[in-house]
C-alpha atoms as a PDB file:
ATOM      1  CA  MET A   1     113.395-127.959-128.974  1.00  0.00           C
ATOM      2  CA  ASN A   2     111.640-128.197-125.612  1.00  0.00           C
ATOM      3  CA  SER A   3     107.934-128.728-125.003  1.00  0.00           C
ATOM      4  CA  LYS A   4     107.257-125.047-124.196  1.00  0.00           C
ATOM      5  CA  SER A   5     108.582-123.987-127.596  1.00  0.00           C
ATOM      6  CA  LEU A   6     106.387-126.547-129.354  1.00  0.00           C
ATOM      7  CA  VAL A   7     103.318-125.328-127.469  1.00  0.00           C
ATOM      8  CA  PHE A   8     104.093-121.710-128.393  1.00  0.00           C
ATOM      9  CA  ILE A   9     104.567-122.554-132.083  1.00  0.00           C
ATOM     10  CA  ALA A  10     101.334-124.578-132.163  1.00  0.00           C
ATOM     11  CA  PHE A  11      99.442-121.719-130.540  1.00  0.00           C
ATOM     12  CA  ALA A  12     100.845-119.199-133.044  1.00  0.00           C
ATOM     13  CA  VAL A  13      99.847-121.377-136.024  1.00  0.00           C
ATOM     14  CA  TRP A  14      96.366-121.937-134.587  1.00  0.00           C
ATOM     15  CA  SER A  15      95.901-118.181-134.001  1.00  0.00           C
ATOM     16  CA  ALA A  16      96.933-117.388-137.583  1.00  0.00           C
ATOM     17  CA  ILE A  17      94.480-119.950-138.982  1.00  0.00           C
ATOM     18  CA  CYS A  18      91.620-118.589-136.830  1.00  0.00           C
ATOM     19  CA  TRP A  19      92.373-114.999-137.819  1.00  0.00           C
ATOM     20  CA  ARG A  20      92.451-115.890-141.517  1.00  0.00           C
ATOM     21  CA  TRP A  21      89.137-117.761-141.255  1.00  0.00           C
ATOM     22  CA  TYR A  22      87.456-114.833-139.468  1.00  0.00           C
ATOM     23  CA  VAL A  23      88.690-112.183-141.893  1.00  0.00           C
ATOM     24  CA  CYS A  24      87.954-114.129-145.092  1.00  0.00           C
ATOM     25  CA  ASN A  25      84.816-116.091-144.226  1.00  0.00           C
ATOM     26  CA  ILE A  26      83.066-113.798-141.760  1.00  0.00           C
ATOM     27  CA  LYS A  27      84.218-110.266-142.631  1.00  0.00           C
ATOM     28  CA  GLU A  28      84.881-111.030-146.334  1.00  0.00           C
ATOM     29  CA  VAL A  29      87.636-108.466-146.551  1.00  0.00           C
ATOM     30  CA  CYS A  30      90.547-110.597-147.721  1.00  0.00           C
ATOM     31  CA  THR A  31      90.955-108.610-150.916  1.00  0.00           C
ATOM     32  CA  ASP A  32      88.373-105.843-150.578  1.00  0.00           C
ATOM     33  CA  THR A  33      88.717-102.762-148.460  1.00  0.00           C
ATOM     34  CA  ALA A  34      86.048-101.928-145.936  1.00  0.00           C
ATOM     35  CA  THR A  35      83.136 -99.797-146.949  1.00  0.00           C
ATOM     36  CA  ALA A  36      84.509 -96.631-145.397  1.00  0.00           C
ATOM     37  CA  MET A  37      84.241 -94.105-148.220  1.00  0.00           C
ATOM     38  CA  VAL A  38      83.874 -90.873-146.250  1.00  0.00           C
ATOM     39  CA  THR A  39      85.646 -89.485-143.225  1.00  0.00           C
ATOM     40  CA  ASN A  40      83.331 -86.892-141.723  1.00  0.00           C
ATOM     41  CA  THR A  41      81.718 -87.909-138.426  1.00  0.00           C
ATOM     42  CA  PRO A  42      77.881 -88.077-138.514  1.00  0.00           C
ATOM     43  CA  ASN A  43      75.634 -86.244-136.057  1.00  0.00           C
ATOM     44  CA  ASN A  44      73.732 -88.860-134.046  1.00  0.00           C
ATOM     45  CA  GLY A  45      73.335 -91.018-137.145  1.00  0.00           C
ATOM     46  CA  ILE A  46      70.723 -88.660-138.618  1.00  0.00           C
ATOM     47  CA  GLU A  47      71.161 -86.328-141.568  1.00  0.00           C
ATOM     48  CA  PRO A  48      68.744 -83.419-142.120  1.00  0.00           C
ATOM     49  CA  ALA A  49      66.570 -83.196-145.189  1.00  0.00           C
ATOM     50  CA  GLU A  50      68.864 -80.739-146.953  1.00  0.00           C
ATOM     51  CA  THR A  51      72.193 -82.496-147.514  1.00  0.00           C
ATOM     52  CA  THR A  52      75.319 -81.598-149.434  1.00  0.00           C
ATOM     53  CA  THR A  53      76.653 -85.124-149.975  1.00  0.00           C
ATOM     54  CA  GLN A  54      77.822 -85.668-153.535  1.00  0.00           C
ATOM     55  CA  THR A  55      75.810 -88.348-155.306  1.00  0.00           C
ATOM     56  CA  PRO A  56      76.741 -90.337-158.417  1.00  0.00           C
ATOM     57  CA  GLU A  57      75.416 -89.146-161.733  1.00  0.00           C
ATOM     58  CA  ILE A  58      72.358 -91.186-162.661  1.00  0.00           C
ATOM     59  CA  GLN A  59      70.331 -90.923-165.816  1.00  0.00           C
ATOM     60  CA  PRO A  60      66.689 -91.389-164.753  1.00  0.00           C
ATOM     61  CA  ALA A  61      63.881 -92.653-166.910  1.00  0.00           C
ATOM     62  CA  GLN A  62      61.114 -90.238-167.921  1.00  0.00           C
ATOM     63  CA  PRO A  63      58.384 -89.876-165.264  1.00  0.00           C
ATOM     64  CA  GLN A  64      55.006 -91.448-165.872  1.00  0.00           C
ATOM     65  CA  SER A  65      51.561 -90.187-164.962  1.00  0.00           C
ATOM     66  CA  SER A  66      50.288 -90.607-161.392  1.00  0.00           C
ATOM     67  CA  GLU A  67      47.197 -92.673-162.151  1.00  0.00           C
ATOM     68  CA  LYS A  68      45.278 -94.289-159.323  1.00  0.00           C
ATOM     69  CA  THR A  69      44.562 -97.981-159.287  1.00  0.00           C
ATOM     70  CA  GLY A  70      41.063 -99.362-159.375  1.00  0.00           C
ATOM     71  CA  THR A  71      41.171-100.161-155.661  1.00  0.00           C
ATOM     72  CA  GLY A  72      41.805 -96.541-154.695  1.00  0.00           C
ATOM     73  CA  LYS A  73      45.382 -97.194-153.537  1.00  0.00           C
ATOM     74  CA  SER A  74      48.225 -94.960-154.626  1.00  0.00           C
ATOM     75  CA  SER A  75      49.900 -95.754-157.923  1.00  0.00           C
ATOM     76  CA  THR A  76      53.124 -96.796-156.167  1.00  0.00           C
ATOM     77  CA  SER A  77      51.287 -99.755-154.630  1.00  0.00           C
ATOM     78  CA  SER A  78      50.674-101.260-158.056  1.00  0.00           C
ATOM     79  CA  THR A  79      54.354-101.979-158.625  1.00  0.00           C
ATOM     80  CA  LYS A  80      54.924-105.725-158.925  1.00  0.00           C
ATOM     81  CA  THR A  81      58.162-106.867-157.348  1.00  0.00           C
ATOM     82  CA  ALA A  82      59.845-110.208-157.933  1.00  0.00           C
ATOM     83  CA  PRO A  83      60.979-112.130-154.840  1.00  0.00           C
ATOM     84  CA  VAL A  84      64.401-111.137-153.530  1.00  0.00           C
ATOM     85  CA  THR A  85      66.694-114.112-154.099  1.00  0.00           C
ATOM     86  CA  ALA A  86      70.205-115.061-153.007  1.00  0.00           C
ATOM     87  CA  SER A  87      71.130-115.904-156.610  1.00  0.00           C
ATOM     88  CA  ARG A  88      70.979-112.178-157.466  1.00  0.00           C
ATOM     89  CA  MET A  89      73.091-110.774-154.632  1.00  0.00           C
ATOM     90  CA  ASN A  90      75.337-109.054-157.174  1.00  0.00           C
ATOM     91  CA  GLU A  91      72.352-106.960-158.335  1.00  0.00           C
ATOM     92  CA  VAL A  92      70.060-104.318-156.883  1.00  0.00           C
ATOM     93  CA  GLN A  93      66.733-105.879-155.857  1.00  0.00           C
ATOM     94  CA  MET A  94      63.492-104.388-154.527  1.00  0.00           C
ATOM     95  CA  GLU A  95      60.753-105.719-152.249  1.00  0.00           C
ATOM     96  CA  GLU A  96      57.632-104.231-150.676  1.00  0.00           C
ATOM     97  CA  VAL A  97      57.279-104.825-146.918  1.00  0.00           C
ATOM     98  CA  GLU A  98      54.172-103.529-145.120  1.00  0.00           C
ATOM     99  CA  ASP A  99      54.336 -99.710-145.204  1.00  0.00           C
ATOM    100  CA  ARG A 100      57.635 -99.327-147.034  1.00  0.00           C
ATOM    101  CA  MET A 101      59.595-100.253-150.129  1.00  0.00           C
ATOM    102  CA  ILE A 102      63.068-101.722-149.643  1.00  0.00           C
ATOM    103  CA  ILE A 103      65.892-101.578-152.179  1.00  0.00           C
ATOM    104  CA  HIS A 104      68.811-103.960-151.503  1.00  0.00           C
ATOM    105  CA  PHE A 105      72.340-103.189-152.718  1.00  0.00           C
ATOM    106  CA  PRO A 106      75.293-105.392-153.735  1.00  0.00           C
ATOM    107  CA  TYR A 107      78.477-105.289-151.643  1.00  0.00           C
ATOM    108  CA  ASN A 108      80.259-101.910-151.627  1.00  0.00           C
ATOM    109  CA  SER A 109      77.621-100.310-153.875  1.00  0.00           C
ATOM    110  CA  ILE A 110      75.714 -97.049-153.402  1.00  0.00           C
ATOM    111  CA  ARG A 111      74.280 -96.716-156.905  1.00  0.00           C
ATOM    112  CA  LYS A 112      70.835 -97.863-157.956  1.00  0.00           C
ATOM    113  CA  GLU A 113      71.734 -99.856-161.037  1.00  0.00           C
ATOM    114  CA  ASP A 114      69.447-100.090-164.057  1.00  0.00           C
ATOM    115  CA  ASP A 115      66.387-102.155-163.201  1.00  0.00           C
ATOM    116  CA  ALA A 116      63.028-101.830-164.958  1.00  0.00           C
ATOM    117  CA  ALA A 117      60.899-102.561-161.873  1.00  0.00           C
ATOM    118  CA  ILE A 118      62.778-100.098-159.674  1.00  0.00           C
ATOM    119  CA  ASP A 119      62.747 -97.422-162.394  1.00  0.00           C
ATOM    120  CA  ASP A 120      58.998 -97.885-162.771  1.00  0.00           C
ATOM    121  CA  TYR A 121      58.452 -97.617-159.022  1.00  0.00           C
ATOM    122  CA  LEU A 122      60.534 -94.440-158.724  1.00  0.00           C
ATOM    123  CA  ASN A 123      58.685 -92.916-161.687  1.00  0.00           C
ATOM    124  CA  ARG A 124      55.361 -93.608-159.976  1.00  0.00           C
ATOM    125  CA  LEU A 125      56.630 -92.406-156.624  1.00  0.00           C
ATOM    126  CA  ALA A 126      57.932 -89.140-158.067  1.00  0.00           C
ATOM    127  CA  ALA A 127      54.661 -88.496-159.905  1.00  0.00           C
ATOM    128  CA  GLU A 128      52.666 -89.154-156.726  1.00  0.00           C
ATOM    129  CA  LEU A 129      54.837 -86.845-154.633  1.00  0.00           C
ATOM    130  CA  VAL A 130      54.614 -84.048-157.200  1.00  0.00           C
ATOM    131  CA  SER A 131      50.839 -84.449-157.417  1.00  0.00           C
ATOM    132  CA  SER A 132      50.060 -84.816-153.708  1.00  0.00           C
ATOM    133  CA  GLY A 133      52.763 -82.719-152.090  1.00  0.00           C
ATOM    134  CA  ALA A 134      53.421 -85.539-149.624  1.00  0.00           C
ATOM    135  CA  THR A 135      56.865 -86.145-148.142  1.00  0.00           C
ATOM    136  CA  VAL A 136      59.001 -89.268-148.233  1.00  0.00           C
ATOM    137  CA  THR A 137      61.693 -90.492-145.839  1.00  0.00           C
ATOM    138  CA  ILE A 138      64.558 -92.526-147.275  1.00  0.00           C
ATOM    139  CA  THR A 139      66.642 -94.401-144.706  1.00  0.00           C
ATOM    140  CA  GLY A 140      69.997 -96.012-145.504  1.00  0.00           C
ATOM    141  CA  HIS A 141      71.354 -99.161-143.837  1.00  0.00           C
ATOM    142  CA  THR A 142      74.524-101.264-144.185  1.00  0.00           C
ATOM    143  CA  ASP A 143      75.982-104.580-143.101  1.00  0.00           C
ATOM    144  CA  PHE A 144      78.642-104.703-140.344  1.00  0.00           C
ATOM    145  CA  VAL A 145      81.721-104.661-142.576  1.00  0.00           C
ATOM    146  CA  GLY A 146      83.819-101.588-141.859  1.00  0.00           C
ATOM    147  CA  GLU A 147      83.832 -98.986-139.091  1.00  0.00           C
ATOM    148  CA  SER A 148      80.458 -98.103-137.560  1.00  0.00           C
ATOM    149  CA  LYS A 149      80.838 -94.344-138.089  1.00  0.00           C
ATOM    150  CA  ASP A 150      81.754 -94.860-141.744  1.00  0.00           C
ATOM    151  CA  ASN A 151      78.833 -97.228-142.247  1.00  0.00           C
ATOM    152  CA  VAL A 152      76.453 -94.468-141.131  1.00  0.00           C
ATOM    153  CA  GLN A 153      77.828 -92.240-143.883  1.00  0.00           C
ATOM    154  CA  PHE A 154      77.808 -95.097-146.397  1.00  0.00           C
ATOM    155  CA  GLY A 155      74.128 -95.740-145.669  1.00  0.00           C
ATOM    156  CA  LEU A 156      73.463 -92.026-146.120  1.00  0.00           C
ATOM    157  CA  GLN A 157      75.102 -92.118-149.537  1.00  0.00           C
ATOM    158  CA  ARG A 158      72.725 -94.905-150.542  1.00  0.00           C
ATOM    159  CA  ALA A 159      69.726 -92.874-149.372  1.00  0.00           C
ATOM    160  CA  ASN A 160      70.998 -89.763-151.157  1.00  0.00           C
ATOM    161  CA  SER A 161      71.437 -91.652-154.422  1.00  0.00           C
ATOM    162  CA  ILE A 162      67.688 -92.410-154.435  1.00  0.00           C
ATOM    163  CA  ARG A 163      66.892 -88.853-153.312  1.00  0.00           C
ATOM    164  CA  ALA A 164      68.842 -87.478-156.271  1.00  0.00           C
ATOM    165  CA  ILE A 165      66.755 -89.549-158.688  1.00  0.00           C
ATOM    166  CA  LEU A 166      63.464 -88.268-157.251  1.00  0.00           C
ATOM    167  CA  ILE A 167      64.641 -84.646-157.363  1.00  0.00           C
ATOM    168  CA  LYS A 168      65.649 -85.057-161.015  1.00  0.00           C
ATOM    169  CA  LYS A 169      62.144 -86.299-161.679  1.00  0.00           C
ATOM    170  CA  GLY A 170      60.657 -83.053-160.365  1.00  0.00           C
ATOM    171  CA  VAL A 171      60.160 -83.708-156.651  1.00  0.00           C
ATOM    172  CA  ALA A 172      60.975 -80.713-154.429  1.00  0.00           C
ATOM    173  CA  LYS A 173      64.044 -81.093-152.217  1.00  0.00           C
ATOM    174  CA  SER A 174      61.945 -80.267-149.152  1.00  0.00           C
ATOM    175  CA  GLN A 175      59.735 -83.298-149.833  1.00  0.00           C
ATOM    176  CA  VAL A 176      62.561 -85.839-149.595  1.00  0.00           C
ATOM    177  CA  LYS A 177      64.259 -86.445-146.242  1.00  0.00           C
ATOM    178  CA  THR A 178      67.245 -88.752-145.902  1.00  0.00           C
ATOM    179  CA  ARG A 179      68.873 -90.380-142.880  1.00  0.00           C
ATOM    180  CA  SER A 180      71.052 -93.347-142.040  1.00  0.00           C
ATOM    181  CA  TYR A 181      71.367 -95.883-139.244  1.00  0.00           C
ATOM    182  CA  GLY A 182      74.417 -97.607-140.704  1.00  0.00           C
ATOM    183  CA  GLU A 183      74.780-101.140-139.349  1.00  0.00           C
ATOM    184  CA  SER A 184      72.726-100.554-136.181  1.00  0.00           C
ATOM    185  CA  LYS A 185      69.339-101.793-137.437  1.00  0.00           C
ATOM    186  CA  ALA A 186      70.086-105.110-139.118  1.00  0.00           C
ATOM    187  CA  ILE A 187      67.127-107.186-140.301  1.00  0.00           C
ATOM    188  CA  ALA A 188      69.162-110.356-140.894  1.00  0.00           C
ATOM    189  CA  THR A 189      72.306-112.059-139.604  1.00  0.00           C
ATOM    190  CA  ASN A 190      75.652-110.583-140.598  1.00  0.00           C
ATOM    191  CA  ASP A 191      77.282-114.031-140.418  1.00  0.00           C
ATOM    192  CA  THR A 192      76.360-115.014-144.001  1.00  0.00           C
ATOM    193  CA  PRO A 193      76.661-113.259-147.393  1.00  0.00           C
ATOM    194  CA  TRP A 194      72.860-113.514-147.836  1.00  0.00           C
ATOM    195  CA  GLY A 195      72.201-111.911-144.466  1.00  0.00           C
ATOM    196  CA  ARG A 196      74.642-109.106-145.166  1.00  0.00           C
ATOM    197  CA  TYR A 197      72.969-108.502-148.534  1.00  0.00           C
ATOM    198  CA  LYS A 198      69.585-108.155-146.823  1.00  0.00           C
ATOM    199  CA  ASN A 199      71.058-105.594-144.441  1.00  0.00           C
ATOM    200  CA  ARG A 200      72.520-103.434-147.235  1.00  0.00           C
ATOM    201  CA  ARG A 201      69.349-101.563-148.042  1.00  0.00           C
ATOM    202  CA  VAL A 202      67.412 -98.347-148.421  1.00  0.00           C
ATOM    203  CA  GLU A 203      63.894 -98.111-146.960  1.00  0.00           C
ATOM    204  CA  ILE A 204      61.387 -95.701-148.514  1.00  0.00           C
ATOM    205  CA  ARG A 205      58.330 -94.527-146.559  1.00  0.00           C
ATOM    206  CA  ILE A 206      55.711 -92.042-147.765  1.00  0.00           C
ATOM    207  CA  LYS A 207      54.182 -89.653-145.238  1.00  0.00           C
ATOM    208  CA  LYS A 208      50.777 -88.407-146.329  1.00  0.00           C
END
């Protein structure tokens, strides 16, 4: 075997090792398929308020009264959220950031799983929207795993799953607008599992 053959074989082995490392450690898709769950192409990454996307069946908790807090802030502001931690990346977690509430999702998940704090917040939010007539915008986001166009639709499914809960609690469809930016507005690095978890989120903003 001549030296050129040895160089070629070494290069092929090195390429295979690099590809395996990238797919498994960076993309994390060794055994999981990408997050592409729908095939229709989005329109500019924005979905109108009235959508027809099918959402998973969710049994909501009973709505609570829309009482105001002693400080005069809306009742949704009184929700106490635990810190979002990397040890719970297999769960749905919620955090309040400035003018919005953020719900983070596990990998390949669109469903808001049972969580007392999130259920309480959505109960309060629904009661406030029904009482005030205000509107809310729910924006879906994803990590970078999968095709960009499919990630836009995957983020929209996450937003629509929260929208469905609010509508079941009595909020008018016209009060809840959903949209998705897919992977385009990351708030953390996509190079680590923790960063990707932070990017898989729904952001909820109330418009008075």
